[in-house]
Amino acid sequence: DGTAYSLNGHSTGTFSIDFGAGTVDTSLTLA
């Protein structure tokens, strides 16, 4: 809403790969 925020040190995430299918999945929980 127009106000600047820093996400460093407060956000979390996940990342995974299925090499056989050639797909990636990720999630970002932003704070």
PDB file of all heavy atoms in Angstrom:
ATOM      1  N   ASP A   1       0.829  -1.211   0.000  1.00  0.00           N
ATOM      2  CA  ASP A   1       0.000   0.000   0.000  1.00  0.00           C
ATOM      3  C   ASP A   1       0.863   1.260   0.000  1.00  0.00           C
ATOM      4  O   ASP A   1       0.560   2.247   0.679  1.00  0.00           O
ATOM      5  CB  ASP A   1      -0.948  -0.006   1.203  1.00  0.00           C
ATOM      6  CG  ASP A   1      -1.954  -1.151   1.144  1.00  0.00           C
ATOM      7  OD1 ASP A   1      -2.407  -1.482   0.037  1.00  0.00           O
ATOM      8  OD2 ASP A   1      -2.273  -1.716   2.202  1.00  0.00           O
ATOM      9  N   GLY A   2       1.963   1.203  -0.758  1.00  0.00           N
ATOM     10  CA  GLY A   2       2.816   2.369  -0.944  1.00  0.00           C
ATOM     11  C   GLY A   2       3.863   2.581   0.125  1.00  0.00           C
ATOM     12  O   GLY A   2       4.693   3.483   0.002  1.00  0.00           O
ATOM     13  N   THR A   3       3.890   1.747   1.166  1.00  0.00           N
ATOM     14  CA  THR A   3       4.865   1.881   2.249  1.00  0.00           C
ATOM     15  C   THR A   3       5.970   0.854   2.051  1.00  0.00           C
ATOM     16  O   THR A   3       5.697  -0.314   1.770  1.00  0.00           O
ATOM     17  CB  THR A   3       4.201   1.677   3.617  1.00  0.00           C
ATOM     18  OG1 THR A   3       3.156   2.653   3.786  1.00  0.00           O
ATOM     19  CG2 THR A   3       5.217   1.830   4.740  1.00  0.00           C
ATOM     20  N   ALA A   4       7.236   1.276   2.225  1.00  0.00           N
ATOM     21  CA  ALA A   4       8.375   0.410   1.943  1.00  0.00           C
ATOM     22  C   ALA A   4       8.693  -0.495   3.127  1.00  0.00           C
ATOM     23  O   ALA A   4       8.713  -0.060   4.280  1.00  0.00           O
ATOM     24  CB  ALA A   4       9.596   1.251   1.602  1.00  0.00           C
ATOM     25  N   TYR A   5       8.959  -1.774   2.805  1.00  0.00           N
ATOM     26  CA  TYR A   5       9.293  -2.775   3.815  1.00  0.00           C
ATOM     27  C   TYR A   5      10.534  -3.546   3.386  1.00  0.00           C
ATOM     28  O   TYR A   5      10.794  -3.727   2.197  1.00  0.00           O
ATOM     29  CB  TYR A   5       8.146  -3.778   3.987  1.00  0.00           C
ATOM     30  CG  TYR A   5       6.923  -3.225   4.671  1.00  0.00           C
ATOM     31  CD1 TYR A   5       5.960  -2.532   3.955  1.00  0.00           C
ATOM     32  CD2 TYR A   5       6.731  -3.400   6.044  1.00  0.00           C
ATOM     33  CE1 TYR A   5       4.828  -2.023   4.582  1.00  0.00           C
ATOM     34  CE2 TYR A   5       5.608  -2.910   6.677  1.00  0.00           C
ATOM     35  CZ  TYR A   5       4.665  -2.211   5.942  1.00  0.00           C
ATOM     36  OH  TYR A   5       3.545  -1.721   6.570  1.00  0.00           O
ATOM     37  N   SER A   6      11.271  -4.045   4.390  1.00  0.00           N
ATOM     38  CA  SER A   6      12.375  -4.978   4.166  1.00  0.00           C
ATOM     39  C   SER A   6      11.933  -6.364   4.610  1.00  0.00           C
ATOM     40  O   SER A   6      11.377  -6.523   5.703  1.00  0.00           O
ATOM     41  CB  SER A   6      13.608  -4.542   4.957  1.00  0.00           C
ATOM     42  OG  SER A   6      14.604  -5.556   4.912  1.00  0.00           O
ATOM     43  N   LEU A   7      12.205  -7.369   3.763  1.00  0.00           N
ATOM     44  CA  LEU A   7      11.829  -8.749   4.064  1.00  0.00           C
ATOM     45  C   LEU A   7      12.969  -9.542   4.674  1.00  0.00           C
ATOM     46  O   LEU A   7      12.771 -10.682   5.113  1.00  0.00           O
ATOM     47  CB  LEU A   7      11.373  -9.457   2.786  1.00  0.00           C
ATOM     48  CG  LEU A   7      10.269  -8.785   1.972  1.00  0.00           C
ATOM     49  CD1 LEU A   7       9.997  -9.597   0.710  1.00  0.00           C
ATOM     50  CD2 LEU A   7       9.002  -8.634   2.790  1.00  0.00           C
ATOM     51  N   ASN A   8      14.171  -8.978   4.699  1.00  0.00           N
ATOM     52  CA  ASN A   8      15.362  -9.728   5.108  1.00  0.00           C
ATOM     53  C   ASN A   8      15.251 -10.216   6.551  1.00  0.00           C
ATOM     54  O   ASN A   8      14.982  -9.433   7.462  1.00  0.00           O
ATOM     55  CB  ASN A   8      16.612  -8.866   4.957  1.00  0.00           C
ATOM     56  CG  ASN A   8      16.875  -8.468   3.525  1.00  0.00           C
ATOM     57  OD1 ASN A   8      16.411  -9.108   2.599  1.00  0.00           O
ATOM     58  ND2 ASN A   8      17.634  -7.402   3.331  1.00  0.00           N
ATOM     59  N   GLY A   9      15.459 -11.519   6.733  1.00  0.00           N
ATOM     60  CA  GLY A   9      15.469 -12.090   8.065  1.00  0.00           C
ATOM     61  C   GLY A   9      14.115 -12.401   8.640  1.00  0.00           C
ATOM     62  O   GLY A   9      14.017 -12.936   9.751  1.00  0.00           O
ATOM     63  N   HIS A  10      13.046 -12.105   7.907  1.00  0.00           N
ATOM     64  CA  HIS A  10      11.699 -12.311   8.435  1.00  0.00           C
ATOM     65  C   HIS A  10      10.865 -13.250   7.575  1.00  0.00           C
ATOM     66  O   HIS A  10       9.850 -13.777   8.037  1.00  0.00           O
ATOM     67  CB  HIS A  10      10.973 -10.967   8.564  1.00  0.00           C
ATOM     68  CG  HIS A  10      11.734  -9.939   9.342  1.00  0.00           C
ATOM     69  ND1 HIS A  10      11.971 -10.055  10.691  1.00  0.00           N
ATOM     70  CD2 HIS A  10      12.346  -8.794   8.947  1.00  0.00           C
ATOM     71  CE1 HIS A  10      12.682  -9.025  11.099  1.00  0.00           C
ATOM     72  NE2 HIS A  10      12.921  -8.238  10.060  1.00  0.00           N
ATOM     73  N   SER A  11      11.274 -13.470   6.335  1.00  0.00           N
ATOM     74  CA  SER A  11      10.516 -14.306   5.413  1.00  0.00           C
ATOM     75  C   SER A  11      11.133 -15.707   5.360  1.00  0.00           C
ATOM     76  O   SER A  11      12.304 -15.901   5.665  1.00  0.00           O
ATOM     77  CB  SER A  11      10.506 -13.689   4.015  1.00  0.00           C
ATOM     78  OG  SER A  11       9.920 -12.396   4.043  1.00  0.00           O
ATOM     79  N   THR A  12      10.319 -16.679   4.979  1.00  0.00           N
ATOM     80  CA  THR A  12      10.779 -18.063   4.861  1.00  0.00           C
ATOM     81  C   THR A  12      10.318 -18.632   3.525  1.00  0.00           C
ATOM     82  O   THR A  12       9.425 -18.084   2.871  1.00  0.00           O
ATOM     83  CB  THR A  12      10.243 -18.935   6.007  1.00  0.00           C
ATOM     84  OG1 THR A  12       8.801 -18.888   5.999  1.00  0.00           O
ATOM     85  CG2 THR A  12      10.751 -18.443   7.359  1.00  0.00           C
ATOM     86  N   GLY A  13      10.920 -19.765   3.150  1.00  0.00           N
ATOM     87  CA  GLY A  13      10.553 -20.356   1.873  1.00  0.00           C
ATOM     88  C   GLY A  13      10.906 -21.824   1.783  1.00  0.00           C
ATOM     89  O   GLY A  13      11.633 -22.369   2.620  1.00  0.00           O
ATOM     90  N   THR A  14      10.378 -22.471   0.753  1.00  0.00           N
ATOM     91  CA  THR A  14      10.694 -23.863   0.440  1.00  0.00           C
ATOM     92  C   THR A  14      10.996 -23.972  -1.044  1.00  0.00           C
ATOM     93  O   THR A  14      10.558 -23.143  -1.851  1.00  0.00           O
ATOM     94  CB  THR A  14       9.538 -24.809   0.785  1.00  0.00           C
ATOM     95  OG1 THR A  14       8.409 -24.506  -0.071  1.00  0.00           O
ATOM     96  CG2 THR A  14       9.112 -24.667   2.243  1.00  0.00           C
ATOM     97  N   PHE A  15      11.755 -25.020  -1.419  1.00  0.00           N
ATOM     98  CA  PHE A  15      12.063 -25.262  -2.829  1.00  0.00           C
ATOM     99  C   PHE A  15      12.329 -26.737  -3.012  1.00  0.00           C
ATOM    100  O   PHE A  15      13.037 -27.360  -2.207  1.00  0.00           O
ATOM    101  CB  PHE A  15      13.292 -24.465  -3.263  1.00  0.00           C
ATOM    102  CG  PHE A  15      13.582 -24.538  -4.734  1.00  0.00           C
ATOM    103  CD1 PHE A  15      12.907 -23.734  -5.637  1.00  0.00           C
ATOM    104  CD2 PHE A  15      14.533 -25.419  -5.225  1.00  0.00           C
ATOM    105  CE1 PHE A  15      13.166 -23.815  -7.001  1.00  0.00           C
ATOM    106  CE2 PHE A  15      14.812 -25.499  -6.584  1.00  0.00           C
ATOM    107  CZ  PHE A  15      14.111 -24.699  -7.471  1.00  0.00           C
ATOM    108  N   SER A  16      11.756 -27.315  -4.059  1.00  0.00           N
ATOM    109  CA  SER A  16      11.978 -28.724  -4.361  1.00  0.00           C
ATOM    110  C   SER A  16      11.963 -28.940  -5.862  1.00  0.00           C
ATOM    111  O   SER A  16      11.375 -28.155  -6.620  1.00  0.00           O
ATOM    112  CB  SER A  16      10.928 -29.607  -3.688  1.00  0.00           C
ATOM    113  OG  SER A  16       9.636 -29.310  -4.175  1.00  0.00           O
ATOM    114  N   ILE A  17      12.632 -30.031  -6.285  1.00  0.00           N
ATOM    115  CA  ILE A  17      12.725 -30.377  -7.703  1.00  0.00           C
ATOM    116  C   ILE A  17      12.370 -31.833  -7.884  1.00  0.00           C
ATOM    117  O   ILE A  17      12.808 -32.699  -7.116  1.00  0.00           O
ATOM    118  CB  ILE A  17      14.150 -30.154  -8.249  1.00  0.00           C
ATOM    119  CG1 ILE A  17      14.629 -28.733  -8.005  1.00  0.00           C
ATOM    120  CG2 ILE A  17      14.211 -30.476  -9.745  1.00  0.00           C
ATOM    121  CD1 ILE A  17      16.066 -28.500  -8.438  1.00  0.00           C
ATOM    122  N   ASP A  18      11.577 -32.126  -8.901  1.00  0.00           N
ATOM    123  CA  ASP A  18      11.378 -33.489  -9.388  1.00  0.00           C
ATOM    124  C   ASP A  18      12.166 -33.592 -10.684  1.00  0.00           C
ATOM    125  O   ASP A  18      11.729 -33.118 -11.733  1.00  0.00           O
ATOM    126  CB  ASP A  18       9.886 -33.761  -9.622  1.00  0.00           C
ATOM    127  CG  ASP A  18       9.615 -35.205 -10.024  1.00  0.00           C
ATOM    128  OD1 ASP A  18      10.476 -35.827 -10.674  1.00  0.00           O
ATOM    129  OD2 ASP A  18       8.523 -35.709  -9.694  1.00  0.00           O
ATOM    130  N   PHE A  19      13.363 -34.175 -10.597  1.00  0.00           N
ATOM    131  CA  PHE A  19      14.242 -34.208 -11.769  1.00  0.00           C
ATOM    132  C   PHE A  19      13.664 -35.064 -12.887  1.00  0.00           C
ATOM    133  O   PHE A  19      13.856 -34.766 -14.067  1.00  0.00           O
ATOM    134  CB  PHE A  19      15.627 -34.720 -11.371  1.00  0.00           C
ATOM    135  CG  PHE A  19      16.405 -33.763 -10.523  1.00  0.00           C
ATOM    136  CD1 PHE A  19      16.609 -34.008  -9.170  1.00  0.00           C
ATOM    137  CD2 PHE A  19      16.945 -32.606 -11.074  1.00  0.00           C
ATOM    138  CE1 PHE A  19      17.341 -33.129  -8.386  1.00  0.00           C
ATOM    139  CE2 PHE A  19      17.676 -31.716 -10.300  1.00  0.00           C
ATOM    140  CZ  PHE A  19      17.873 -31.978  -8.950  1.00  0.00           C
ATOM    141  N   GLY A  20      12.962 -36.135 -12.523  1.00  0.00           N
ATOM    142  CA  GLY A  20      12.388 -36.990 -13.548  1.00  0.00           C
ATOM    143  C   GLY A  20      11.324 -36.276 -14.362  1.00  0.00           C
ATOM    144  O   GLY A  20      11.266 -36.399 -15.601  1.00  0.00           O
ATOM    145  N   ALA A  21      10.477 -35.515 -13.687  1.00  0.00           N
ATOM    146  CA  ALA A  21       9.409 -34.780 -14.371  1.00  0.00           C
ATOM    147  C   ALA A  21       9.875 -33.440 -14.904  1.00  0.00           C
ATOM    148  O   ALA A  21       9.195 -32.811 -15.723  1.00  0.00           O
ATOM    149  CB  ALA A  21       8.228 -34.576 -13.421  1.00  0.00           C
ATOM    150  N   GLY A  22      11.024 -32.956 -14.404  1.00  0.00           N
ATOM    151  CA  GLY A  22      11.532 -31.661 -14.839  1.00  0.00           C
ATOM    152  C   GLY A  22      10.768 -30.496 -14.262  1.00  0.00           C
ATOM    153  O   GLY A  22      10.699 -29.422 -14.882  1.00  0.00           O
ATOM    154  N   THR A  23      10.185 -30.675 -13.068  1.00  0.00           N
ATOM    155  CA  THR A  23       9.366 -29.630 -12.466  1.00  0.00           C
ATOM    156  C   THR A  23       9.986 -29.116 -11.172  1.00  0.00           C
ATOM    157  O   THR A  23      10.738 -29.819 -10.495  1.00  0.00           O
ATOM    158  CB  THR A  23       7.953 -30.152 -12.162  1.00  0.00           C
ATOM    159  OG1 THR A  23       8.044 -31.292 -11.289  1.00  0.00           O
ATOM    160  CG2 THR A  23       7.245 -30.557 -13.448  1.00  0.00           C
ATOM    161  N   VAL A  24       9.657 -27.879 -10.831  1.00  0.00           N
ATOM    162  CA  VAL A  24      10.094 -27.285  -9.570  1.00  0.00           C
ATOM    163  C   VAL A  24       8.880 -26.731  -8.836  1.00  0.00           C
ATOM    164  O   VAL A  24       7.903 -26.292  -9.460  1.00  0.00           O
ATOM    165  CB  VAL A  24      11.133 -26.162  -9.781  1.00  0.00           C
ATOM    166  CG1 VAL A  24      12.364 -26.699 -10.488  1.00  0.00           C
ATOM    167  CG2 VAL A  24      10.543 -24.998 -10.561  1.00  0.00           C
ATOM    168  N   ASP A  25       8.932 -26.773  -7.514  1.00  0.00           N
ATOM    169  CA  ASP A  25       7.888 -26.213  -6.658  1.00  0.00           C
ATOM    170  C   ASP A  25       8.543 -25.362  -5.587  1.00  0.00           C
ATOM    171  O   ASP A  25       9.588 -25.730  -5.035  1.00  0.00           O
ATOM    172  CB  ASP A  25       7.074 -27.333  -5.991  1.00  0.00           C
ATOM    173  CG  ASP A  25       6.246 -28.117  -6.993  1.00  0.00           C
ATOM    174  OD1 ASP A  25       5.161 -27.640  -7.370  1.00  0.00           O
ATOM    175  OD2 ASP A  25       6.694 -29.206  -7.395  1.00  0.00           O
ATOM    176  N   THR A  26       7.928 -24.222  -5.299  1.00  0.00           N
ATOM    177  CA  THR A  26       8.494 -23.329  -4.301  1.00  0.00           C
ATOM    178  C   THR A  26       7.377 -22.594  -3.590  1.00  0.00           C
ATOM    179  O   THR A  26       6.244 -22.507  -4.093  1.00  0.00           O
ATOM    180  CB  THR A  26       9.458 -22.328  -4.962  1.00  0.00           C
ATOM    181  OG1 THR A  26      10.164 -21.603  -3.958  1.00  0.00           O
ATOM    182  CG2 THR A  26       8.725 -21.347  -5.866  1.00  0.00           C
ATOM    183  N   SER A  27       7.666 -22.105  -2.415  1.00  0.00           N
ATOM    184  CA  SER A  27       6.722 -21.254  -1.703  1.00  0.00           C
ATOM    185  C   SER A  27       7.488 -20.165  -0.979  1.00  0.00           C
ATOM    186  O   SER A  27       8.613 -20.380  -0.510  1.00  0.00           O
ATOM    187  CB  SER A  27       5.877 -22.050  -0.711  1.00  0.00           C
ATOM    188  OG  SER A  27       6.658 -22.509   0.380  1.00  0.00           O
ATOM    189  N   LEU A  28       6.877 -18.987  -0.915  1.00  0.00           N
ATOM    190  CA  LEU A  28       7.440 -17.850  -0.196  1.00  0.00           C
ATOM    191  C   LEU A  28       6.429 -17.376   0.832  1.00  0.00           C
ATOM    192  O   LEU A  28       5.286 -17.054   0.483  1.00  0.00           O
ATOM    193  CB  LEU A  28       7.759 -16.695  -1.153  1.00  0.00           C
ATOM    194  CG  LEU A  28       8.719 -16.959  -2.314  1.00  0.00           C
ATOM    195  CD1 LEU A  28       8.903 -15.687  -3.130  1.00  0.00           C
ATOM    196  CD2 LEU A  28      10.047 -17.469  -1.810  1.00  0.00           C
ATOM    197  N   THR A  29       6.811 -17.366   2.094  1.00  0.00           N
ATOM    198  CA  THR A  29       6.001 -16.763   3.143  1.00  0.00           C
ATOM    199  C   THR A  29       6.653 -15.437   3.479  1.00  0.00           C
ATOM    200  O   THR A  29       7.716 -15.388   4.108  1.00  0.00           O
ATOM    201  CB  THR A  29       5.927 -17.663   4.383  1.00  0.00           C
ATOM    202  OG1 THR A  29       5.301 -18.899   4.020  1.00  0.00           O
ATOM    203  CG2 THR A  29       5.105 -17.004   5.479  1.00  0.00           C
ATOM    204  N   LEU A  30       6.034 -14.348   3.022  1.00  0.00           N
ATOM    205  CA  LEU A  30       6.651 -13.032   3.087  1.00  0.00           C
ATOM    206  C   LEU A  30       6.211 -12.288   4.350  1.00  0.00           C
ATOM    207  O   LEU A  30       5.021 -12.212   4.667  1.00  0.00           O
ATOM    208  CB  LEU A  30       6.285 -12.210   1.858  1.00  0.00           C
ATOM    209  CG  LEU A  30       6.667 -12.824   0.501  1.00  0.00           C
ATOM    210  CD1 LEU A  30       6.294 -11.874  -0.629  1.00  0.00           C
ATOM    211  CD2 LEU A  30       8.154 -13.163   0.454  1.00  0.00           C
ATOM    212  N   ALA A  31       7.189 -11.754   5.048  1.00  0.00           N
ATOM    213  CA  ALA A  31       6.943 -10.921   6.220  1.00  0.00           C
ATOM    214  C   ALA A  31       8.073  -9.915   6.308  1.00  0.00           C
ATOM    215  O   ALA A  31       9.219 -10.217   5.945  1.00  0.00           O
ATOM    216  CB  ALA A  31       6.868 -11.761   7.488  1.00  0.00           C
TER     217      ALA A  31
END
